[in-house]
Every structure is written in C-alpha cells, then in structure tokens.
Amino acid sequence: MHSPYFSANGKLLLTGEYFVLDGALALAVPTQLGQRMVIQEQIDEEKTFSWRSFDNDGSCWFEGHFLKNDFTVLHNTDPAVADRLTQILKAATHLNPKFHKDQFRKISAIETKLDFPRQWGLGTSSTLIAMIARWAAVNPYELLVATFGGSGYDLACADADQPLLYQLPGPVVRPVPFAPDFSDQIYFVYLNQKQNSREGIQRYRKIKGQLSQEIAEVSALTAEMLNCQTQKEFAKIMNAHELLVSRTLNIERAKSLYFSDFPGAVKSLGAWGGDFVMVTSERSVDWVEQYFMAKGMNVFKKYKNLIR
C-alpha cells in the first residue's frame, strides 16, 4: 500500500521574540533537524487508527488509538497530547471537510519521528502543524490559529530552505541570505530546561502600555543584524536586543543570570528562560565550548551544523 510521507524543519527565532506578535520584523532560521510523519494505509477498512510519536532516540513518547469518524480517543498514554491531536485533526477537517472523507477511510496508523530531543524546543508542535496542514491541504496559519496560536514564524521555517524575515500581519515571509563571514563564531547552547512558549506569550500579553517604540527598535535591530559585517557588530546588536527585551518584560538576561563572566554576547531565543541561547565570542571555538561544558551545558552547536 501507498504510505504518504511528510517532513518539516525545526526553527529558531534570532530576533523579534515576543514583539513579532505585534508586527515587529523578525529574523528566523530553519534548522537542519525537524520531524517526519508517515501515514500507513491498509486495504481492509477499520473504524480506528493508531498514532505513535517517537523521539530522536527511537523511544515512543506518545501512543494513542482514535475512532476515525470523530477522532474520539479510545486509549492513550498522555491525555493532554491525545486531546491536542483530536483538536488538530478536527480543526483540519473543519478547514477542509474532504480531508476526513478522502484521507481517513484506509488509514491504519500514523507515526511521527523527531530528529531532535523533544525538550530542545526546536518545534515539535510547529512541525506537526505544518505536516498535517500539508496532508490535509489546508492553510497552515489558519490551522495554527485554530489550535496552538502564536505568531506563525515557525510555520514559515517548517517549509523554508534558508533564513527568512517574518512579519505580521500577513504574514509576510521573505527568504534572505544570512551567512555571515563570522558564522563560525556563532553558536547555539541548550540551557538544559524546556520553556513553554505559550506561557511566555501570556506574560508578554500582560504588559501594559504602548509598545510601538519598542517594536520599531526591534525591527531596526533585525535589519542591522541581517546586514552587519563583523562579529563585534553582531555581538553589539545581540546585547542591544537583550537589553530591550529585558527592560520591557522586566526579566533578567540569560547572561546576567548564568554567564556573567563570559567574554562575549549571549542572547535568549524564543520564550526567555529555557531552550537555546545564541552565543558569539572572539575566543576560539574550543575555548567557548569548554566554557559552557564547565557550566554543565553539553549541547553546543555550531551555526553551520544546525542551521539550514
């Protein structure tokens, strides 16, 4: 039998976190690591189908069985994940009623497999939305609004093969060449803690006051980062962005909290407080890697080894 196959890239947001929700220009990059989905079909039509999700190490982190006619959960290993899958499939069916009629009749099983550890925050949810949207032939941004919410930059990265500028409303997505001569001095370090981006967005939404000035500043910093020519200039832009977000959200910067003695710039990516930080320094790659290893941060990625 035919087994439809889908894949999507993970993502990182280099500039514009939080403010992208209100129209700031953001620079985002697709990662080489992503997620894949295989739809297994059968000749005999059954009333149920199974769903299994695998982490990058091959371990199954979710398993569930669903009724085909209305996606009722019959059995699952994580009720929250099962409910979310039902929500996504129902939303896809609402956006394209033919999806349920045409696609589910002969499905026996769906399997997803991550290329990265789930706790890294590179886009377990966004890659899933992108793949289901493609499978269901629906607009991925409409499916996102009906399910997880958010700015949607991660969906733009899911199908991109190079860095991009992203801006709401629209969304406006513009592929851009971003491969600085000093990219061998840009690194990504995992902070050993998963951050819930929805909680971060909620905290941002509670900020009172007019943010038009900050949004304009973030957009300007994005343009500067895209066009900067030297590592020193890049570090200066990273620091300016961190100070702006820190001041606006009243949250301590990652460098102040964890790496105050680091000779270089450290910038949070995505929801502050977890996932990855972007790092640059004039010190050698070996020195920088050893610095973070000594802090217990053993996931250290060079730009060229992580970004598409």
Protein backbone atom coordinates (compact mmCIF):
# COMPACT_ATOMS: atom_id res chain seq x y z
CA MET A 1 0.00 0.00 0.00
CA HIS A 2 0.97 3.64 -0.52
CA SER A 3 2.37 5.35 2.61
CA PRO A 4 2.18 9.15 2.42
CA TYR A 5 5.29 10.78 3.90
CA PHE A 6 5.80 14.35 5.16
CA SER A 7 8.66 16.26 6.76
CA ALA A 8 9.17 19.73 8.23
CA ASN A 9 12.11 21.77 9.54
CA GLY A 10 12.60 22.89 13.09
CA LYS A 11 13.21 26.59 13.81
CA LEU A 12 14.98 29.26 15.82
CA LEU A 13 13.99 32.92 16.12
CA LEU A 14 17.15 35.03 16.14
CA THR A 15 15.42 38.40 16.64
CA GLY A 16 11.95 39.67 17.44
CA GLU A 17 10.86 37.31 20.19
CA TYR A 18 7.54 38.39 21.70
CA PHE A 19 7.41 41.60 19.62
CA VAL A 20 6.89 39.62 16.41
CA LEU A 21 3.34 39.03 17.69
CA ASP A 22 2.63 42.75 17.32
CA GLY A 23 4.22 43.41 13.96
CA ALA A 24 7.96 43.61 14.65
CA LEU A 25 10.22 42.45 11.83
CA ALA A 26 11.90 39.20 12.89
CA LEU A 27 14.81 37.12 11.59
CA ALA A 28 14.15 33.38 11.75
CA VAL A 29 16.19 30.38 10.64
CA PRO A 30 15.12 26.82 9.75
CA THR A 31 17.17 24.07 11.36
CA GLN A 32 18.60 21.00 9.70
CA LEU A 33 16.76 18.96 12.31
CA GLY A 34 12.98 18.56 12.09
CA GLN A 35 10.21 15.99 12.23
CA ARG A 36 8.81 13.36 9.84
CA MET A 37 5.38 11.80 9.56
CA VAL A 38 4.38 8.57 7.84
CA ILE A 39 0.75 7.62 7.15
CA GLN A 40 0.26 3.87 6.96
CA GLU A 41 -2.66 2.63 4.91
CA GLN A 42 -4.41 -0.74 4.63
CA ILE A 43 -6.79 -2.50 2.26
CA ASP A 44 -9.29 -3.53 4.90
CA GLU A 45 -11.13 -0.54 6.30
CA GLU A 46 -11.14 -0.37 10.11
CA LYS A 47 -13.03 2.00 12.38
CA THR A 48 -9.95 3.03 14.32
CA PHE A 49 -6.39 4.20 13.73
CA SER A 50 -3.32 4.39 15.94
CA TRP A 51 -0.91 7.27 16.48
CA ARG A 52 2.64 6.84 17.75
CA SER A 53 5.19 9.60 18.29
CA PHE A 54 8.89 8.84 18.58
CA ASP A 55 11.73 10.90 19.99
CA ASN A 56 15.08 11.15 18.19
CA ASP A 57 16.48 8.24 20.21
CA GLY A 58 13.73 5.92 18.97
CA SER A 59 11.74 5.90 22.21
CA CYS A 60 7.97 6.18 21.87
CA TRP A 61 6.82 9.24 23.88
CA PHE A 62 3.15 9.02 22.92
CA GLU A 63 0.75 6.33 21.76
CA GLY A 64 -2.97 6.59 21.20
CA HIS A 65 -5.89 4.95 19.41
CA PHE A 66 -8.69 7.01 17.90
CA LEU A 67 -12.05 6.48 16.20
CA LYS A 68 -11.92 7.53 12.57
CA ASN A 69 -15.39 9.02 12.39
CA ASP A 70 -14.94 11.75 15.02
CA PHE A 71 -11.38 11.28 16.41
CA THR A 72 -12.65 10.14 19.81
CA VAL A 73 -9.75 8.92 21.95
CA LEU A 74 -10.07 5.23 22.83
CA HIS A 75 -6.71 4.74 24.52
CA ASN A 76 -3.68 6.95 25.12
CA THR A 77 -0.50 7.33 27.14
CA ASP A 78 -0.89 11.11 27.62
CA PRO A 79 -4.40 12.65 27.74
CA ALA A 80 -3.18 16.20 27.04
CA VAL A 81 -1.37 15.11 23.86
CA ALA A 82 -4.32 12.96 22.77
CA ASP A 83 -6.73 15.87 23.23
CA ARG A 84 -4.42 18.16 21.29
CA LEU A 85 -4.22 15.69 18.38
CA THR A 86 -8.00 15.41 18.32
CA GLN A 87 -8.24 19.20 18.29
CA ILE A 88 -5.77 19.50 15.39
CA LEU A 89 -7.46 16.80 13.28
CA LYS A 90 -10.92 18.26 13.91
CA ALA A 91 -9.67 21.74 13.00
CA ALA A 92 -8.10 20.40 9.78
CA THR A 93 -11.40 18.68 8.93
CA HIS A 94 -13.30 21.89 9.59
CA LEU A 95 -10.97 23.78 7.25
CA ASN A 96 -11.22 21.06 4.57
CA PRO A 97 -14.17 18.67 5.03
CA LYS A 98 -12.85 16.49 2.18
CA PHE A 99 -9.78 15.69 4.29
CA HIS A 100 -11.72 13.42 6.64
CA LYS A 101 -13.74 11.79 3.88
CA ASP A 102 -10.84 11.20 1.50
CA GLN A 103 -7.89 10.56 3.80
CA PHE A 104 -9.09 8.57 6.78
CA ARG A 105 -11.00 5.74 5.16
CA LYS A 106 -7.98 3.46 4.69
CA ILE A 107 -5.60 4.78 7.32
CA SER A 108 -4.38 2.24 9.86
CA ALA A 109 -1.59 4.09 11.64
CA ILE A 110 0.23 7.43 11.82
CA GLU A 111 3.80 7.70 13.09
CA THR A 112 5.92 10.77 13.74
CA LYS A 113 9.66 10.84 14.40
CA LEU A 114 11.73 13.75 15.69
CA ASP A 115 15.31 14.42 14.58
CA PHE A 116 15.99 16.31 17.84
CA PRO A 117 15.23 15.66 21.53
CA ARG A 118 11.72 16.89 22.24
CA GLN A 119 12.82 19.11 25.16
CA TRP A 120 15.08 21.22 22.90
CA GLY A 121 12.15 23.37 21.80
CA LEU A 122 13.04 23.38 18.10
CA GLY A 123 9.43 22.94 17.01
CA THR A 124 7.73 19.66 17.94
CA SER A 125 4.33 21.37 17.64
CA SER A 126 5.02 23.64 14.66
CA THR A 127 6.48 20.84 12.54
CA LEU A 128 3.40 18.74 13.33
CA ILE A 129 1.02 21.56 12.35
CA ALA A 130 2.97 22.12 9.11
CA MET A 131 2.86 18.43 8.17
CA ILE A 132 -0.83 17.95 8.99
CA ALA A 133 -1.68 21.13 7.08
CA ARG A 134 0.12 19.79 4.01
CA TRP A 135 -1.55 16.40 4.36
CA ALA A 136 -4.99 17.97 4.80
CA ALA A 137 -4.39 20.57 2.05
CA VAL A 138 -5.26 23.47 4.36
CA ASN A 139 -3.64 26.81 5.16
CA PRO A 140 -1.10 26.10 7.95
CA TYR A 141 -1.55 29.55 9.50
CA GLU A 142 -5.32 29.03 9.75
CA LEU A 143 -4.70 25.64 11.36
CA LEU A 144 -2.29 27.26 13.83
CA VAL A 145 -4.88 29.90 14.81
CA ALA A 146 -7.42 27.13 15.44
CA THR A 147 -5.01 25.12 17.64
CA PHE A 148 -1.80 26.40 19.26
CA GLY A 149 -1.83 30.07 18.32
CA GLY A 150 1.34 32.13 18.12
CA SER A 151 3.00 34.31 15.50
CA GLY A 152 3.47 31.59 12.89
CA TYR A 153 7.15 32.26 12.16
CA ASP A 154 7.81 28.62 13.00
CA LEU A 155 5.46 27.50 10.21
CA ALA A 156 7.37 29.68 7.76
CA CYS A 157 10.57 27.93 8.84
CA ALA A 158 8.97 24.48 8.53
CA ASP A 159 8.98 24.69 4.73
CA ALA A 160 11.94 27.04 4.24
CA ASP A 161 15.34 26.10 2.87
CA GLN A 162 17.11 29.29 4.04
CA PRO A 163 16.80 32.06 6.67
CA LEU A 164 13.83 34.40 6.37
CA LEU A 165 12.36 37.69 7.51
CA TYR A 166 8.92 37.34 9.05
CA GLN A 167 6.35 39.99 9.86
CA LEU A 168 2.70 40.28 10.81
CA PRO A 169 0.08 40.99 9.68
CA GLY A 170 0.09 38.86 6.58
CA PRO A 171 2.19 37.03 7.34
CA VAL A 172 4.91 38.50 5.13
CA VAL A 173 7.68 35.94 4.58
CA ARG A 174 10.83 36.91 2.71
CA PRO A 175 13.75 34.48 2.24
CA VAL A 176 17.06 36.25 2.84
CA PRO A 177 20.72 35.32 2.50
CA PHE A 178 22.11 35.19 6.02
CA ALA A 179 25.51 33.52 6.10
CA PRO A 180 27.86 35.98 7.82
CA ASP A 181 31.59 35.68 7.24
CA PHE A 182 31.87 35.23 11.01
CA SER A 183 29.22 32.46 11.24
CA ASP A 184 31.94 30.14 12.55
CA GLN A 185 31.88 32.36 15.67
CA ILE A 186 28.10 31.91 16.20
CA TYR A 187 26.98 29.03 18.43
CA PHE A 188 23.78 27.70 19.97
CA VAL A 189 23.76 26.35 23.52
CA TYR A 190 20.90 24.44 25.16
CA LEU A 191 20.12 25.67 28.69
CA ASN A 192 19.01 22.21 29.90
CA GLN A 193 15.45 23.35 30.55
CA LYS A 194 12.35 23.31 28.36
CA GLN A 195 10.39 26.55 28.19
CA ASN A 196 6.67 26.72 27.47
CA SER A 197 6.33 29.37 24.76
CA ARG A 198 2.61 29.81 25.40
CA GLU A 199 3.39 30.84 28.99
CA GLY A 200 5.99 33.29 27.73
CA ILE A 201 3.46 34.81 25.33
CA GLN A 202 0.90 35.16 28.14
CA ARG A 203 3.45 37.04 30.25
CA TYR A 204 4.19 39.37 27.32
CA ARG A 205 0.48 39.97 26.77
CA LYS A 206 0.10 41.22 30.35
CA ILE A 207 2.42 44.16 29.70
CA LYS A 208 0.51 47.41 29.90
CA GLY A 209 1.20 50.40 27.72
CA GLN A 210 2.05 51.27 24.15
CA LEU A 211 4.90 49.25 22.62
CA SER A 212 5.15 50.96 19.22
CA GLN A 213 8.58 52.41 20.06
CA GLU A 214 9.95 49.02 21.17
CA ILE A 215 8.51 47.31 18.09
CA ALA A 216 10.24 49.87 15.86
CA GLU A 217 13.52 49.33 17.74
CA VAL A 218 13.30 45.54 17.39
CA SER A 219 12.60 45.87 13.66
CA ALA A 220 15.63 48.14 13.29
CA LEU A 221 17.83 45.67 15.19
CA THR A 222 16.62 42.86 12.92
CA ALA A 223 17.66 44.84 9.84
CA GLU A 224 21.01 45.65 11.45
CA MET A 225 21.67 42.01 12.31
CA LEU A 226 20.86 40.93 8.77
CA ASN A 227 23.31 43.43 7.30
CA CYS A 228 26.10 43.52 9.88
CA GLN A 229 29.62 42.77 8.67
CA THR A 230 31.66 41.88 11.75
CA GLN A 231 31.45 39.66 14.81
CA LYS A 232 31.86 42.66 17.11
CA GLU A 233 28.93 44.44 15.46
CA PHE A 234 26.86 41.25 15.70
CA ALA A 235 27.59 40.97 19.42
CA LYS A 236 26.63 44.61 19.94
CA ILE A 237 23.25 44.03 18.23
CA MET A 238 22.64 40.90 20.32
CA ASN A 239 23.29 42.84 23.51
CA ALA A 240 21.04 45.72 22.47
CA HIS A 241 18.21 43.29 21.69
CA GLU A 242 18.63 41.55 25.07
CA LEU A 243 18.57 44.83 26.96
CA LEU A 244 15.42 45.96 25.16
CA VAL A 245 13.51 42.75 25.89
CA SER A 246 14.82 42.59 29.45
CA ARG A 247 13.73 46.16 30.13
CA THR A 248 10.30 45.71 28.55
CA LEU A 249 9.41 42.38 30.17
CA ASN A 250 11.29 43.06 33.41
CA ILE A 251 13.12 39.74 33.14
CA GLU A 252 16.80 39.23 33.89
CA ARG A 253 19.01 38.48 30.88
CA ALA A 254 20.42 34.96 30.48
CA LYS A 255 23.97 36.30 30.55
CA SER A 256 23.40 38.10 33.84
CA LEU A 257 21.79 35.02 35.37
CA TYR A 258 24.15 32.29 34.21
CA PHE A 259 27.15 33.59 32.25
CA SER A 260 28.15 36.95 33.72
CA ASP A 261 31.86 36.14 33.27
CA PHE A 262 31.55 35.08 29.62
CA PRO A 263 33.72 37.15 27.24
CA GLY A 264 31.13 37.61 24.52
CA ALA A 265 27.43 38.06 23.86
CA VAL A 266 24.60 35.73 24.92
CA LYS A 267 21.08 36.13 23.52
CA SER A 268 17.95 34.22 24.52
CA LEU A 269 15.95 32.68 21.69
CA GLY A 270 12.18 32.28 21.78
CA ALA A 271 10.48 32.30 25.18
CA TRP A 272 13.00 33.55 27.75
CA GLY A 273 14.22 31.22 30.45
CA GLY A 274 14.81 27.99 28.57
CA ASP A 275 15.60 26.23 25.32
CA PHE A 276 18.57 27.65 23.37
CA VAL A 277 20.67 30.76 23.62
CA MET A 278 22.73 32.18 20.76
CA VAL A 279 26.33 32.92 21.63
CA THR A 280 29.21 34.73 19.95
CA SER A 281 32.75 35.43 21.12
CA GLU A 282 36.16 36.36 19.79
CA ARG A 283 37.62 33.43 21.76
CA SER A 284 38.35 30.15 19.93
CA VAL A 285 35.56 27.63 19.40
CA ASP A 286 37.35 25.17 21.69
CA TRP A 287 37.58 27.75 24.48
CA VAL A 288 33.90 28.71 24.12
CA GLU A 289 32.75 25.09 24.05
CA GLN A 290 34.81 24.25 27.15
CA TYR A 291 33.35 27.29 28.98
CA PHE A 292 29.79 26.03 28.51
CA MET A 293 30.73 22.40 29.16
CA ALA A 294 32.15 23.51 32.52
CA LYS A 295 28.75 25.09 33.26
CA GLY A 296 27.03 21.76 32.55
CA MET A 297 25.75 22.83 29.12
CA ASN A 298 26.82 19.92 26.94
CA VAL A 299 24.59 20.64 23.92
CA PHE A 300 26.78 23.02 21.93
CA LYS A 301 26.06 23.53 18.23
CA LYS A 302 28.00 25.49 15.63
CA TYR A 303 25.88 27.66 13.33
CA LYS A 304 26.79 25.68 10.21
CA ASN A 305 25.94 22.36 11.90
CA LEU A 306 22.44 23.38 12.98
CA ILE A 307 21.03 25.98 10.58
CA ARG A 308 19.92 25.31 7.01
